[in-house]
Amino acid sequence: MNKEDLSKIKNKIEEEINNTKKLIKDYKNLTKPIAPENAIGRVSRMDAINNKSVIESVLRKTERKLKELLFAKKQYEKNIDFGKCIICNKEINIKRLFIMPYVKKCISCA
C-alpha cells in the first residue's frame, strides 16, 4: 500500500470510530427501560419490549465493531501487520479495507 492509500484508510478508520461511537450512544438511549407507569397499552408495551431486545442486539454488535476499529487503529499507528491477512499474510485489497477497515482476512481467506 502506498502512503496515499494508508492516509485514506486512516481517515476512514477515524470516521468509522466517530460514527460508531455516536450510534452506540443513540442505541443506549433507545434501550432505556420503559417505566411501568406509562399508560401505553399492553400490546404497545410488548412491542416496545421486543424493539428494545432487537436494539440491544444491534448495540452489542456495534460495540464489538468499535473494539475492532480501535484495534485496527492501534495496529495502523504501530505499523503492526496492518492490512495483512492473518491467515495467508498477503496484503488485503485496499478496496476491502476501505469498506471494512477492521477486517483481518483477505477475501480468499474470509
C-alpha atoms as a PDB file:
ATOM      1  CA  MET A   1       0.000   0.000   0.000  1.00  0.00           C
ATOM      2  CA  ASN A   2       1.240   3.474  -0.776  1.00  0.00           C
ATOM      3  CA  LYS A   3       1.149   6.422   1.630  1.00  0.00           C
ATOM      4  CA  GLU A   4      -1.907   7.959  -0.019  1.00  0.00           C
ATOM      5  CA  ASP A   5      -3.921   4.747   0.418  1.00  0.00           C
ATOM      6  CA  LEU A   6      -2.768   4.439   4.018  1.00  0.00           C
ATOM      7  CA  SER A   7      -3.818   8.025   4.684  1.00  0.00           C
ATOM      8  CA  LYS A   8      -7.274   7.360   3.225  1.00  0.00           C
ATOM      9  CA  ILE A   9      -7.621   4.238   5.366  1.00  0.00           C
ATOM     10  CA  LYS A  10      -6.547   6.152   8.482  1.00  0.00           C
ATOM     11  CA  ASN A  11      -9.192   8.804   7.800  1.00  0.00           C
ATOM     12  CA  LYS A  12     -11.781   6.099   7.165  1.00  0.00           C
ATOM     13  CA  ILE A  13     -10.952   4.404  10.479  1.00  0.00           C
ATOM     14  CA  GLU A  14     -11.290   7.707  12.357  1.00  0.00           C
ATOM     15  CA  GLU A  15     -14.589   8.456  10.623  1.00  0.00           C
ATOM     16  CA  GLU A  16     -15.933   4.971  11.378  1.00  0.00           C
ATOM     17  CA  ILE A  17     -14.887   5.233  15.042  1.00  0.00           C
ATOM     18  CA  ASN A  18     -16.701   8.564  15.443  1.00  0.00           C
ATOM     19  CA  ASN A  19     -19.839   7.308  13.672  1.00  0.00           C
ATOM     20  CA  THR A  20     -19.845   4.084  15.676  1.00  0.00           C
ATOM     21  CA  LYS A  21     -19.490   5.934  18.986  1.00  0.00           C
ATOM     22  CA  LYS A  22     -22.456   8.120  18.021  1.00  0.00           C
ATOM     23  CA  LEU A  23     -24.516   5.046  17.120  1.00  0.00           C
ATOM     24  CA  ILE A  24     -23.673   3.397  20.437  1.00  0.00           C
ATOM     25  CA  LYS A  25     -24.819   6.495  22.301  1.00  0.00           C
ATOM     26  CA  ASP A  26     -28.081   6.557  20.307  1.00  0.00           C
ATOM     27  CA  TYR A  27     -28.708   2.835  20.852  1.00  0.00           C
ATOM     28  CA  LYS A  28     -28.085   3.157  24.579  1.00  0.00           C
ATOM     29  CA  ASN A  29     -30.729   5.894  24.736  1.00  0.00           C
ATOM     30  CA  LEU A  30     -33.168   3.625  22.898  1.00  0.00           C
ATOM     31  CA  THR A  31     -32.598   0.707  25.272  1.00  0.00           C
ATOM     32  CA  LYS A  32     -33.571   2.530  28.439  1.00  0.00           C
ATOM     33  CA  PRO A  33     -36.277   0.723  30.424  1.00  0.00           C
ATOM     34  CA  ILE A  34     -39.905   1.611  29.838  1.00  0.00           C
ATOM     35  CA  ALA A  35     -41.476   2.860  33.032  1.00  0.00           C
ATOM     36  CA  PRO A  36     -44.475   0.736  34.063  1.00  0.00           C
ATOM     37  CA  GLU A  37     -46.485   3.826  34.963  1.00  0.00           C
ATOM     38  CA  ASN A  38     -46.525   4.923  31.321  1.00  0.00           C
ATOM     39  CA  ALA A  39     -50.003   4.107  30.050  1.00  0.00           C
ATOM     40  CA  ILE A  40     -49.097   2.912  26.565  1.00  0.00           C
ATOM     41  CA  GLY A  41     -51.236  -0.183  26.480  1.00  0.00           C
ATOM     42  CA  ARG A  42     -50.366  -3.865  26.804  1.00  0.00           C
ATOM     43  CA  VAL A  43     -49.747  -4.530  23.104  1.00  0.00           C
ATOM     44  CA  SER A  44     -47.720  -1.357  22.697  1.00  0.00           C
ATOM     45  CA  ARG A  45     -45.674  -2.252  25.778  1.00  0.00           C
ATOM     46  CA  MET A  46     -44.976  -5.731  24.368  1.00  0.00           C
ATOM     47  CA  ASP A  47     -43.941  -4.196  21.064  1.00  0.00           C
ATOM     48  CA  ALA A  48     -41.660  -1.731  22.868  1.00  0.00           C
ATOM     49  CA  ILE A  49     -40.058  -4.595  24.832  1.00  0.00           C
ATOM     50  CA  ASN A  50     -39.485  -6.543  21.614  1.00  0.00           C
ATOM     51  CA  ASN A  51     -37.972  -3.499  19.910  1.00  0.00           C
ATOM     52  CA  LYS A  52     -35.732  -2.969  22.933  1.00  0.00           C
ATOM     53  CA  SER A  53     -34.399  -6.520  22.606  1.00  0.00           C
ATOM     54  CA  VAL A  54     -33.621  -6.022  18.931  1.00  0.00           C
ATOM     55  CA  ILE A  55     -31.853  -2.731  19.622  1.00  0.00           C
ATOM     56  CA  GLU A  56     -29.838  -4.343  22.459  1.00  0.00           C
ATOM     57  CA  SER A  57     -28.617  -6.966  19.993  1.00  0.00           C
ATOM     58  CA  VAL A  58     -27.622  -4.274  17.490  1.00  0.00           C
ATOM     59  CA  LEU A  59     -25.925  -2.371  20.322  1.00  0.00           C
ATOM     60  CA  ARG A  60     -23.760  -5.398  21.191  1.00  0.00           C
ATOM     61  CA  LYS A  61     -22.745  -5.814  17.539  1.00  0.00           C
ATOM     62  CA  THR A  62     -21.938  -2.113  17.265  1.00  0.00           C
ATOM     63  CA  GLU A  63     -19.829  -2.222  20.434  1.00  0.00           C
ATOM     64  CA  ARG A  64     -17.925  -5.195  19.005  1.00  0.00           C
ATOM     65  CA  LYS A  65     -17.347  -3.235  15.775  1.00  0.00           C
ATOM     66  CA  LEU A  66     -15.966  -0.317  17.801  1.00  0.00           C
ATOM     67  CA  LYS A  67     -13.497  -2.634  19.546  1.00  0.00           C
ATOM     68  CA  GLU A  68     -12.366  -3.972  16.176  1.00  0.00           C
ATOM     69  CA  LEU A  69     -11.967  -0.446  14.793  1.00  0.00           C
ATOM     70  CA  LEU A  70      -9.929   0.644  17.807  1.00  0.00           C
ATOM     71  CA  PHE A  71      -7.734  -2.436  17.398  1.00  0.00           C
ATOM     72  CA  ALA A  72      -7.257  -1.640  13.699  1.00  0.00           C
ATOM     73  CA  LYS A  73      -6.346   1.941  14.597  1.00  0.00           C
ATOM     74  CA  LYS A  74      -3.771   0.697  17.088  1.00  0.00           C
ATOM     75  CA  GLN A  75      -2.302  -1.674  14.505  1.00  0.00           C
ATOM     76  CA  TYR A  76      -2.158   1.115  11.952  1.00  0.00           C
ATOM     77  CA  GLU A  77      -0.481   3.541  14.361  1.00  0.00           C
ATOM     78  CA  LYS A  78       2.097   0.977  15.482  1.00  0.00           C
ATOM     79  CA  ASN A  79       2.509  -0.306  11.919  1.00  0.00           C
ATOM     80  CA  ILE A  80       1.938  -3.883  13.121  1.00  0.00           C
ATOM     81  CA  ASP A  81       0.774  -6.011  10.203  1.00  0.00           C
ATOM     82  CA  PHE A  82      -1.993  -3.569   9.335  1.00  0.00           C
ATOM     83  CA  GLY A  83      -3.641  -4.556   6.079  1.00  0.00           C
ATOM     84  CA  LYS A  84      -2.193  -8.064   6.073  1.00  0.00           C
ATOM     85  CA  CYS A  85      -4.300 -11.206   6.212  1.00  0.00           C
ATOM     86  CA  ILE A  86      -3.904 -13.104   9.485  1.00  0.00           C
ATOM     87  CA  ILE A  87      -4.150 -16.424   7.622  1.00  0.00           C
ATOM     88  CA  CYS A  88      -2.085 -16.131   4.426  1.00  0.00           C
ATOM     89  CA  ASN A  89      -0.109 -12.988   5.382  1.00  0.00           C
ATOM     90  CA  LYS A  90      -0.851 -11.400   1.989  1.00  0.00           C
ATOM     91  CA  GLU A  91      -1.887  -7.786   1.650  1.00  0.00           C
ATOM     92  CA  ILE A  92      -5.657  -7.224   1.958  1.00  0.00           C
ATOM     93  CA  ASN A  93      -7.154  -5.430  -1.047  1.00  0.00           C
ATOM     94  CA  ILE A  94      -7.353  -1.676  -0.444  1.00  0.00           C
ATOM     95  CA  LYS A  95     -10.991  -1.591  -1.579  1.00  0.00           C
ATOM     96  CA  ARG A  96     -11.903  -4.192   1.039  1.00  0.00           C
ATOM     97  CA  LEU A  97     -10.068  -2.231   3.729  1.00  0.00           C
ATOM     98  CA  PHE A  98     -11.797   0.964   2.708  1.00  0.00           C
ATOM     99  CA  ILE A  99     -15.216  -0.653   3.092  1.00  0.00           C
ATOM    100  CA  MET A 100     -14.357  -2.516   6.294  1.00  0.00           C
ATOM    101  CA  PRO A 101     -11.133  -1.087   7.756  1.00  0.00           C
ATOM    102  CA  TYR A 102     -11.252  -3.531  10.667  1.00  0.00           C
ATOM    103  CA  VAL A 103     -11.066  -6.754   8.610  1.00  0.00           C
ATOM    104  CA  LYS A 104      -8.277  -9.151   9.425  1.00  0.00           C
ATOM    105  CA  LYS A 105      -8.634 -11.558   6.499  1.00  0.00           C
ATOM    106  CA  CYS A 106      -8.328 -11.176   2.744  1.00  0.00           C
ATOM    107  CA  ILE A 107     -11.317 -12.084   0.609  1.00  0.00           C
ATOM    108  CA  SER A 108      -9.848 -15.506  -0.260  1.00  0.00           C
ATOM    109  CA  CYS A 109      -9.349 -16.492   3.379  1.00  0.00           C
ATOM    110  CA  ALA A 110     -12.597 -14.972   4.591  1.00  0.00           C
END
